Amino acid sequence: MVSRREWLRLTVSGAAVAVAGGALPAFAESPTAITVYKDPSCGCCKKWVEYMRANGFAVTTHDMNDLSEVKATFGVPKALQSCHTATTGQYVVEGHVPADLVQRMLREHAKIAGLAVPGMVTGSPGMEGGTKESYDVIAFSKNGATSVYAKR
């Protein structure tokens, strides 16, 4: 049997790995941890949490009636605020940000404080139903600078 370390070394070097039966060992990636601060009665927050779980995140939730202190602590600009705030690694995720963009931010080690989808955009993850709206996913820095990270 090939160890995970040896399999990774051989895979990275481009060498073929032969194991019994011709199959490569399967190594499941650990889910990415994300902590979500949300209102306990908010349905779209619950849907976004379910969506993130379905997209490979290990979600921990904290139900809170007032998120203003959380948003201030994590430096979410007022203009970018939405209904829930999350943290993953060193980043803040505000609102209904798509999972693939959170994964991209983590993978690229983006030089930002976080990502936000301001407001409650119909058609964003957790806000399905109705006529889908196009929206921008905004990157923000600790000094308050913003830029469009992606368009959806």
N, C-alpha and C. Protein backbone atom coordinates (compact mmCIF):
# COMPACT_ATOMS: atom_id res chain seq x y z
N MET A 1 0.85 -1.18 0.00
CA MET A 1 0.00 0.00 0.00
C MET A 1 0.89 1.23 0.00
N VAL A 2 0.50 2.24 -0.74
CA VAL A 2 1.24 3.47 -0.86
C VAL A 2 0.73 4.44 0.21
N SER A 3 1.65 5.06 0.95
CA SER A 3 1.24 6.02 1.96
C SER A 3 0.74 7.29 1.28
N ARG A 4 -0.04 8.07 2.00
CA ARG A 4 -0.54 9.33 1.45
C ARG A 4 0.61 10.23 1.03
N ARG A 5 1.63 10.35 1.86
CA ARG A 5 2.77 11.21 1.55
C ARG A 5 3.46 10.74 0.27
N GLU A 6 3.68 9.44 0.14
CA GLU A 6 4.33 8.90 -1.05
C GLU A 6 3.43 9.09 -2.28
N TRP A 7 2.13 8.88 -2.12
CA TRP A 7 1.21 9.06 -3.23
C TRP A 7 1.23 10.51 -3.71
N LEU A 8 1.22 11.47 -2.77
CA LEU A 8 1.27 12.88 -3.13
C LEU A 8 2.59 13.21 -3.84
N ARG A 9 3.71 12.66 -3.33
CA ARG A 9 5.01 12.92 -3.95
C ARG A 9 5.03 12.39 -5.37
N LEU A 10 4.54 11.18 -5.56
CA LEU A 10 4.53 10.58 -6.89
C LEU A 10 3.56 11.30 -7.82
N THR A 11 2.42 11.71 -7.29
CA THR A 11 1.44 12.40 -8.11
C THR A 11 1.99 13.75 -8.57
N VAL A 12 2.60 14.48 -7.66
CA VAL A 12 3.15 15.79 -8.00
C VAL A 12 4.28 15.66 -9.00
N SER A 13 5.10 14.62 -8.88
CA SER A 13 6.21 14.47 -9.79
C SER A 13 5.77 13.92 -11.15
N GLY A 14 4.50 13.52 -11.27
CA GLY A 14 3.98 13.02 -12.54
C GLY A 14 4.19 11.54 -12.74
N ALA A 15 4.73 10.86 -11.76
CA ALA A 15 4.96 9.42 -11.89
C ALA A 15 3.65 8.67 -11.72
N ALA A 16 3.53 7.56 -12.40
CA ALA A 16 2.34 6.71 -12.26
C ALA A 16 2.47 5.87 -11.00
N VAL A 17 1.36 5.68 -10.32
CA VAL A 17 1.35 4.88 -9.11
C VAL A 17 0.53 3.62 -9.38
N ALA A 18 1.13 2.49 -9.21
CA ALA A 18 0.41 1.23 -9.40
C ALA A 18 0.15 0.61 -8.04
N VAL A 19 -1.09 0.30 -7.78
CA VAL A 19 -1.45 -0.36 -6.53
C VAL A 19 -2.31 -1.57 -6.88
N ALA A 20 -2.54 -2.40 -5.90
CA ALA A 20 -3.33 -3.60 -6.13
C ALA A 20 -4.66 -3.26 -6.79
N GLY A 21 -4.98 -3.95 -7.85
CA GLY A 21 -6.23 -3.71 -8.56
C GLY A 21 -6.17 -2.53 -9.50
N GLY A 22 -5.05 -1.84 -9.56
CA GLY A 22 -4.89 -0.72 -10.47
C GLY A 22 -5.57 0.57 -10.01
N ALA A 23 -6.13 0.59 -8.79
CA ALA A 23 -6.83 1.78 -8.32
C ALA A 23 -5.91 2.66 -7.48
N LEU A 24 -6.10 3.94 -7.59
CA LEU A 24 -5.37 4.87 -6.74
C LEU A 24 -6.07 4.97 -5.40
N PRO A 25 -5.32 5.15 -4.33
CA PRO A 25 -5.97 5.28 -3.03
C PRO A 25 -6.82 6.55 -2.99
N ALA A 26 -7.93 6.47 -2.32
CA ALA A 26 -8.83 7.62 -2.21
C ALA A 26 -8.58 8.31 -0.87
N PHE A 27 -8.27 9.58 -0.94
CA PHE A 27 -8.05 10.37 0.26
C PHE A 27 -9.06 11.51 0.25
N ALA A 28 -9.96 11.49 1.19
CA ALA A 28 -10.96 12.55 1.26
C ALA A 28 -10.32 13.81 1.84
N GLU A 29 -10.61 14.94 1.22
CA GLU A 29 -10.13 16.19 1.76
C GLU A 29 -10.98 16.54 2.97
N SER A 30 -10.35 17.16 3.95
CA SER A 30 -11.10 17.61 5.11
C SER A 30 -11.96 18.80 4.70
N PRO A 31 -13.18 18.86 5.20
CA PRO A 31 -14.02 20.02 4.88
C PRO A 31 -13.39 21.30 5.45
N THR A 32 -13.60 22.39 4.77
CA THR A 32 -13.11 23.69 5.22
C THR A 32 -14.02 24.22 6.31
N ALA A 33 -13.45 24.61 7.43
CA ALA A 33 -14.24 25.13 8.54
C ALA A 33 -14.68 26.56 8.25
N ILE A 34 -15.93 26.84 8.57
CA ILE A 34 -16.47 28.20 8.47
C ILE A 34 -17.42 28.39 9.64
N THR A 35 -17.34 29.55 10.27
CA THR A 35 -18.20 29.88 11.40
C THR A 35 -19.15 30.98 10.96
N VAL A 36 -20.44 30.74 11.16
CA VAL A 36 -21.47 31.67 10.70
C VAL A 36 -22.21 32.26 11.90
N TYR A 37 -22.30 33.59 11.92
CA TYR A 37 -23.05 34.32 12.93
C TYR A 37 -24.32 34.79 12.24
N LYS A 38 -25.49 34.37 12.79
CA LYS A 38 -26.75 34.66 12.11
C LYS A 38 -27.88 34.83 13.10
N ASP A 39 -28.96 35.40 12.60
CA ASP A 39 -30.18 35.55 13.39
C ASP A 39 -30.86 34.18 13.45
N PRO A 40 -31.31 33.74 14.62
CA PRO A 40 -31.91 32.41 14.74
C PRO A 40 -33.20 32.22 13.93
N SER A 41 -33.89 33.30 13.58
CA SER A 41 -35.15 33.16 12.85
C SER A 41 -35.03 33.48 11.36
N CYS A 42 -33.82 33.72 10.87
CA CYS A 42 -33.64 34.09 9.47
C CYS A 42 -33.58 32.85 8.57
N GLY A 43 -34.60 32.70 7.72
CA GLY A 43 -34.67 31.54 6.84
C GLY A 43 -33.59 31.51 5.77
N CYS A 44 -33.26 32.67 5.19
CA CYS A 44 -32.24 32.66 4.14
C CYS A 44 -30.86 32.37 4.71
N CYS A 45 -30.61 32.75 5.96
CA CYS A 45 -29.33 32.41 6.60
C CYS A 45 -29.22 30.89 6.76
N LYS A 46 -30.32 30.27 7.18
CA LYS A 46 -30.34 28.81 7.32
C LYS A 46 -30.09 28.14 5.98
N LYS A 47 -30.69 28.68 4.91
CA LYS A 47 -30.48 28.12 3.58
C LYS A 47 -29.03 28.27 3.13
N TRP A 48 -28.40 29.41 3.44
CA TRP A 48 -27.01 29.61 3.06
C TRP A 48 -26.11 28.64 3.83
N VAL A 49 -26.39 28.41 5.09
CA VAL A 49 -25.64 27.43 5.88
C VAL A 49 -25.76 26.04 5.25
N GLU A 50 -26.97 25.64 4.87
CA GLU A 50 -27.18 24.34 4.22
C GLU A 50 -26.42 24.27 2.90
N TYR A 51 -26.47 25.35 2.13
CA TYR A 51 -25.76 25.44 0.85
C TYR A 51 -24.25 25.27 1.06
N MET A 52 -23.70 25.95 2.07
CA MET A 52 -22.26 25.85 2.33
C MET A 52 -21.89 24.42 2.75
N ARG A 53 -22.71 23.78 3.57
CA ARG A 53 -22.46 22.38 3.95
C ARG A 53 -22.47 21.48 2.71
N ALA A 54 -23.43 21.69 1.84
CA ALA A 54 -23.54 20.89 0.62
C ALA A 54 -22.35 21.11 -0.32
N ASN A 55 -21.64 22.21 -0.12
CA ASN A 55 -20.49 22.54 -0.96
C ASN A 55 -19.16 22.31 -0.24
N GLY A 56 -19.16 21.42 0.74
CA GLY A 56 -17.92 20.96 1.34
C GLY A 56 -17.39 21.74 2.52
N PHE A 57 -18.19 22.58 3.13
CA PHE A 57 -17.74 23.33 4.30
C PHE A 57 -18.27 22.69 5.57
N ALA A 58 -17.46 22.69 6.61
CA ALA A 58 -17.87 22.26 7.94
C ALA A 58 -18.33 23.52 8.67
N VAL A 59 -19.63 23.66 8.82
CA VAL A 59 -20.21 24.91 9.32
C VAL A 59 -20.54 24.82 10.80
N THR A 60 -20.08 25.82 11.54
CA THR A 60 -20.47 26.02 12.93
C THR A 60 -21.29 27.29 12.95
N THR A 61 -22.47 27.26 13.59
CA THR A 61 -23.31 28.45 13.63
C THR A 61 -23.42 29.00 15.04
N HIS A 62 -23.57 30.31 15.10
CA HIS A 62 -23.84 31.01 16.36
C HIS A 62 -25.06 31.89 16.11
N ASP A 63 -26.17 31.54 16.73
CA ASP A 63 -27.39 32.31 16.60
C ASP A 63 -27.33 33.52 17.54
N MET A 64 -27.57 34.69 16.97
CA MET A 64 -27.50 35.94 17.72
C MET A 64 -28.62 36.86 17.25
N ASN A 65 -29.23 37.58 18.18
CA ASN A 65 -30.29 38.50 17.81
C ASN A 65 -29.75 39.81 17.25
N ASP A 66 -28.54 40.19 17.64
CA ASP A 66 -27.93 41.44 17.17
C ASP A 66 -26.52 41.14 16.68
N LEU A 67 -26.30 41.34 15.39
CA LEU A 67 -25.00 41.04 14.78
C LEU A 67 -24.12 42.28 14.63
N SER A 68 -24.56 43.43 15.07
CA SER A 68 -23.80 44.66 14.85
C SER A 68 -22.41 44.61 15.47
N GLU A 69 -22.28 44.02 16.65
CA GLU A 69 -20.96 43.92 17.29
C GLU A 69 -20.05 42.97 16.52
N VAL A 70 -20.60 41.87 16.01
CA VAL A 70 -19.82 40.91 15.22
C VAL A 70 -19.29 41.59 13.96
N LYS A 71 -20.17 42.31 13.26
CA LYS A 71 -19.77 42.99 12.03
C LYS A 71 -18.69 44.03 12.31
N ALA A 72 -18.83 44.77 13.41
CA ALA A 72 -17.84 45.78 13.78
C ALA A 72 -16.51 45.12 14.14
N THR A 73 -16.57 44.04 14.90
CA THR A 73 -15.35 43.33 15.32
C THR A 73 -14.57 42.82 14.12
N PHE A 74 -15.28 42.30 13.11
CA PHE A 74 -14.62 41.74 11.94
C PHE A 74 -14.38 42.76 10.83
N GLY A 75 -14.76 44.02 11.07
CA GLY A 75 -14.45 45.09 10.12
C GLY A 75 -15.25 45.09 8.85
N VAL A 76 -16.50 44.65 8.91
CA VAL A 76 -17.35 44.66 7.72
C VAL A 76 -17.84 46.09 7.50
N PRO A 77 -17.49 46.70 6.36
CA PRO A 77 -17.96 48.06 6.09
C PRO A 77 -19.49 48.13 6.07
N LYS A 78 -20.04 49.19 6.60
CA LYS A 78 -21.51 49.32 6.68
C LYS A 78 -22.18 49.15 5.33
N ALA A 79 -21.60 49.68 4.28
CA ALA A 79 -22.21 49.61 2.95
C ALA A 79 -22.25 48.19 2.40
N LEU A 80 -21.48 47.28 2.98
CA LEU A 80 -21.42 45.90 2.48
C LEU A 80 -22.19 44.92 3.34
N GLN A 81 -22.81 45.38 4.40
CA GLN A 81 -23.44 44.47 5.35
C GLN A 81 -24.67 43.78 4.78
N SER A 82 -24.89 42.57 5.29
CA SER A 82 -26.02 41.74 4.90
C SER A 82 -26.57 41.09 6.15
N CYS A 83 -27.27 39.97 5.98
CA CYS A 83 -27.97 39.37 7.12
C CYS A 83 -27.12 38.45 7.98
N HIS A 84 -26.02 37.93 7.47
CA HIS A 84 -25.16 37.07 8.29
C HIS A 84 -23.70 37.34 7.99
N THR A 85 -22.85 37.00 8.94
CA THR A 85 -21.41 37.21 8.83
C THR A 85 -20.74 35.89 9.16
N ALA A 86 -19.73 35.54 8.37
CA ALA A 86 -19.01 34.28 8.59
C ALA A 86 -17.51 34.55 8.59
N THR A 87 -16.77 33.63 9.20
CA THR A 87 -15.31 33.69 9.15
C THR A 87 -14.79 32.31 8.75
N THR A 88 -13.75 32.34 7.94
CA THR A 88 -13.07 31.11 7.55
C THR A 88 -11.60 31.46 7.36
N GLY A 89 -10.73 30.73 8.03
CA GLY A 89 -9.32 31.11 8.00
C GLY A 89 -9.19 32.52 8.52
N GLN A 90 -8.45 33.35 7.80
CA GLN A 90 -8.27 34.75 8.20
C GLN A 90 -9.28 35.69 7.56
N TYR A 91 -10.27 35.15 6.89
CA TYR A 91 -11.19 35.94 6.07
C TYR A 91 -12.58 36.07 6.68
N VAL A 92 -13.26 37.14 6.27
CA VAL A 92 -14.65 37.40 6.62
C VAL A 92 -15.48 37.18 5.36
N VAL A 93 -16.63 36.57 5.52
CA VAL A 93 -17.57 36.36 4.42
C VAL A 93 -18.90 36.97 4.86
N GLU A 94 -19.32 38.01 4.17
CA GLU A 94 -20.53 38.73 4.55
C GLU A 94 -21.64 38.48 3.54
N GLY A 95 -22.74 37.92 4.02
CA GLY A 95 -23.90 37.72 3.17
C GLY A 95 -23.82 36.48 2.30
N HIS A 96 -24.56 36.50 1.22
CA HIS A 96 -24.81 35.32 0.39
C HIS A 96 -23.73 35.11 -0.68
N VAL A 97 -22.49 34.98 -0.24
CA VAL A 97 -21.36 34.78 -1.15
C VAL A 97 -21.36 33.33 -1.63
N PRO A 98 -21.21 33.11 -2.94
CA PRO A 98 -21.16 31.74 -3.46
C PRO A 98 -19.95 30.96 -2.93
N ALA A 99 -20.16 29.67 -2.67
CA ALA A 99 -19.12 28.81 -2.10
C ALA A 99 -17.87 28.74 -2.96
N ASP A 100 -18.03 28.69 -4.29
CA ASP A 100 -16.85 28.59 -5.15
C ASP A 100 -15.95 29.80 -5.02
N LEU A 101 -16.53 30.96 -4.74
CA LEU A 101 -15.71 32.16 -4.57
C LEU A 101 -15.01 32.18 -3.21
N VAL A 102 -15.66 31.64 -2.19
CA VAL A 102 -15.00 31.49 -0.89
C VAL A 102 -13.82 30.53 -1.04
N GLN A 103 -14.03 29.42 -1.73
CA GLN A 103 -12.95 28.45 -1.96
C GLN A 103 -11.82 29.08 -2.77
N ARG A 104 -12.17 29.87 -3.79
CA ARG A 104 -11.14 30.54 -4.61
C ARG A 104 -10.32 31.50 -3.76
N MET A 105 -10.99 32.30 -2.91
CA MET A 105 -10.30 33.25 -2.03
C MET A 105 -9.30 32.51 -1.14
N LEU A 106 -9.74 31.40 -0.57
CA LEU A 106 -8.86 30.60 0.30
C LEU A 106 -7.70 29.99 -0.48
N ARG A 107 -7.99 29.45 -1.64
CA ARG A 107 -6.98 28.80 -2.47
C ARG A 107 -5.91 29.79 -2.95
N GLU A 108 -6.35 31.00 -3.31
CA GLU A 108 -5.44 32.01 -3.84
C GLU A 108 -4.75 32.82 -2.76
N HIS A 109 -5.12 32.60 -1.49
CA HIS A 109 -4.56 33.39 -0.38
C HIS A 109 -4.69 34.88 -0.70
N ALA A 110 -5.89 35.26 -1.09
CA ALA A 110 -6.17 36.64 -1.51
C ALA A 110 -5.72 37.64 -0.45
N LYS A 111 -5.18 38.75 -0.90
CA LYS A 111 -4.70 39.81 -0.01
C LYS A 111 -5.85 40.78 0.30
N ILE A 112 -6.90 40.24 0.90
CA ILE A 112 -8.08 41.01 1.25
C ILE A 112 -8.53 40.59 2.64
N ALA A 113 -9.44 41.37 3.20
CA ALA A 113 -10.03 41.00 4.50
C ALA A 113 -11.18 40.03 4.32
N GLY A 114 -11.89 40.17 3.18
CA GLY A 114 -13.01 39.28 2.97
C GLY A 114 -13.81 39.60 1.73
N LEU A 115 -14.92 38.88 1.60
CA LEU A 115 -15.84 39.02 0.48
C LEU A 115 -17.24 39.33 1.00
N ALA A 116 -17.99 40.07 0.21
CA ALA A 116 -19.36 40.41 0.62
C ALA A 116 -20.30 40.45 -0.58
N VAL A 117 -21.53 40.03 -0.32
CA VAL A 117 -22.64 40.28 -1.23
C VAL A 117 -23.60 41.13 -0.40
N PRO A 118 -23.55 42.45 -0.61
CA PRO A 118 -24.39 43.34 0.19
C PRO A 118 -25.88 43.09 -0.05
N GLY A 119 -26.65 43.26 1.00
CA GLY A 119 -28.10 43.16 0.88
C GLY A 119 -28.59 41.73 0.75
N MET A 120 -29.75 41.61 0.16
CA MET A 120 -30.45 40.33 0.04
C MET A 120 -30.79 40.13 -1.43
N VAL A 121 -29.83 39.65 -2.22
CA VAL A 121 -29.98 39.57 -3.67
C VAL A 121 -30.71 38.29 -4.07
N THR A 122 -31.83 38.43 -4.75
CA THR A 122 -32.60 37.28 -5.23
C THR A 122 -31.76 36.49 -6.23
N GLY A 123 -31.67 35.20 -5.99
CA GLY A 123 -30.88 34.32 -6.86
C GLY A 123 -29.50 34.02 -6.34
N SER A 124 -29.06 34.72 -5.31
CA SER A 124 -27.77 34.38 -4.69
C SER A 124 -27.99 33.16 -3.80
N PRO A 125 -26.92 32.44 -3.43
CA PRO A 125 -27.08 31.23 -2.61
C PRO A 125 -27.86 31.53 -1.31
N GLY A 126 -28.91 30.78 -1.09
CA GLY A 126 -29.77 30.98 0.07
C GLY A 126 -30.93 31.91 -0.20
N MET A 127 -30.89 32.59 -1.35
CA MET A 127 -31.95 33.52 -1.74
C MET A 127 -32.59 33.10 -3.06
N GLU A 128 -32.65 31.79 -3.28
CA GLU A 128 -33.23 31.27 -4.51
C GLU A 128 -34.72 31.56 -4.56
N GLY A 129 -35.25 31.55 -5.77
CA GLY A 129 -36.67 31.82 -5.96
C GLY A 129 -36.86 33.22 -6.52
N GLY A 130 -37.96 33.42 -7.19
CA GLY A 130 -38.21 34.72 -7.80
C GLY A 130 -37.33 34.94 -9.01
N THR A 131 -37.32 36.15 -9.50
CA THR A 131 -36.52 36.50 -10.66
C THR A 131 -35.09 36.75 -10.23
N LYS A 132 -34.18 35.96 -10.78
CA LYS A 132 -32.77 36.06 -10.39
C LYS A 132 -32.20 37.41 -10.82
N GLU A 133 -31.50 38.05 -9.89
CA GLU A 133 -30.85 39.33 -10.15
C GLU A 133 -29.35 39.10 -10.35
N SER A 134 -28.73 39.90 -11.19
CA SER A 134 -27.27 39.85 -11.29
C SER A 134 -26.72 40.66 -10.11
N TYR A 135 -25.53 40.29 -9.67
CA TYR A 135 -24.94 40.97 -8.52
C TYR A 135 -23.43 40.88 -8.56
N ASP A 136 -22.80 41.78 -7.81
CA ASP A 136 -21.36 41.78 -7.66
C ASP A 136 -20.99 41.19 -6.32
N VAL A 137 -19.90 40.44 -6.31
CA VAL A 137 -19.30 39.98 -5.07
C VAL A 137 -18.12 40.92 -4.84
N ILE A 138 -18.15 41.59 -3.71
CA ILE A 138 -17.19 42.65 -3.43
C ILE A 138 -16.10 42.17 -2.49
N ALA A 139 -14.84 42.42 -2.88
CA ALA A 139 -13.70 42.18 -1.99
C ALA A 139 -13.48 43.45 -1.19
N PHE A 140 -13.16 43.31 0.09
CA PHE A 140 -12.87 44.49 0.90
C PHE A 140 -11.60 44.24 1.71
N SER A 141 -10.91 45.34 1.99
CA SER A 141 -9.66 45.26 2.75
C SER A 141 -9.88 45.85 4.14
N LYS A 142 -8.90 45.68 4.99
CA LYS A 142 -9.00 46.20 6.35
C LYS A 142 -9.05 47.73 6.38
N ASN A 143 -8.48 48.36 5.35
CA ASN A 143 -8.49 49.83 5.33
C ASN A 143 -9.76 50.39 4.68
N GLY A 144 -10.70 49.51 4.30
CA GLY A 144 -11.96 49.94 3.75
C GLY A 144 -12.03 49.98 2.24
N ALA A 145 -10.92 49.72 1.56
CA ALA A 145 -10.93 49.71 0.09
C ALA A 145 -11.77 48.54 -0.39
N THR A 146 -12.48 48.75 -1.50
CA THR A 146 -13.32 47.70 -2.08
C THR A 146 -13.04 47.57 -3.57
N SER A 147 -13.33 46.39 -4.10
CA SER A 147 -13.23 46.14 -5.53
C SER A 147 -14.17 44.99 -5.87
N VAL A 148 -14.55 44.89 -7.13
CA VAL A 148 -15.40 43.79 -7.57
C VAL A 148 -14.52 42.55 -7.72
N TYR A 149 -14.85 41.52 -6.97
CA TYR A 149 -14.11 40.24 -7.00
C TYR A 149 -14.66 39.33 -8.09
N ALA A 150 -15.99 39.37 -8.27
CA ALA A 150 -16.65 38.55 -9.29
C ALA A 150 -18.03 39.13 -9.56
N LYS A 151 -18.53 38.83 -10.75
CA LYS A 151 -19.90 39.22 -11.11
C LYS A 151 -20.72 37.95 -11.27
N ARG A 152 -21.92 37.96 -10.79
CA ARG A 152 -22.82 36.81 -10.91
C ARG A 152 -24.15 37.25 -11.44
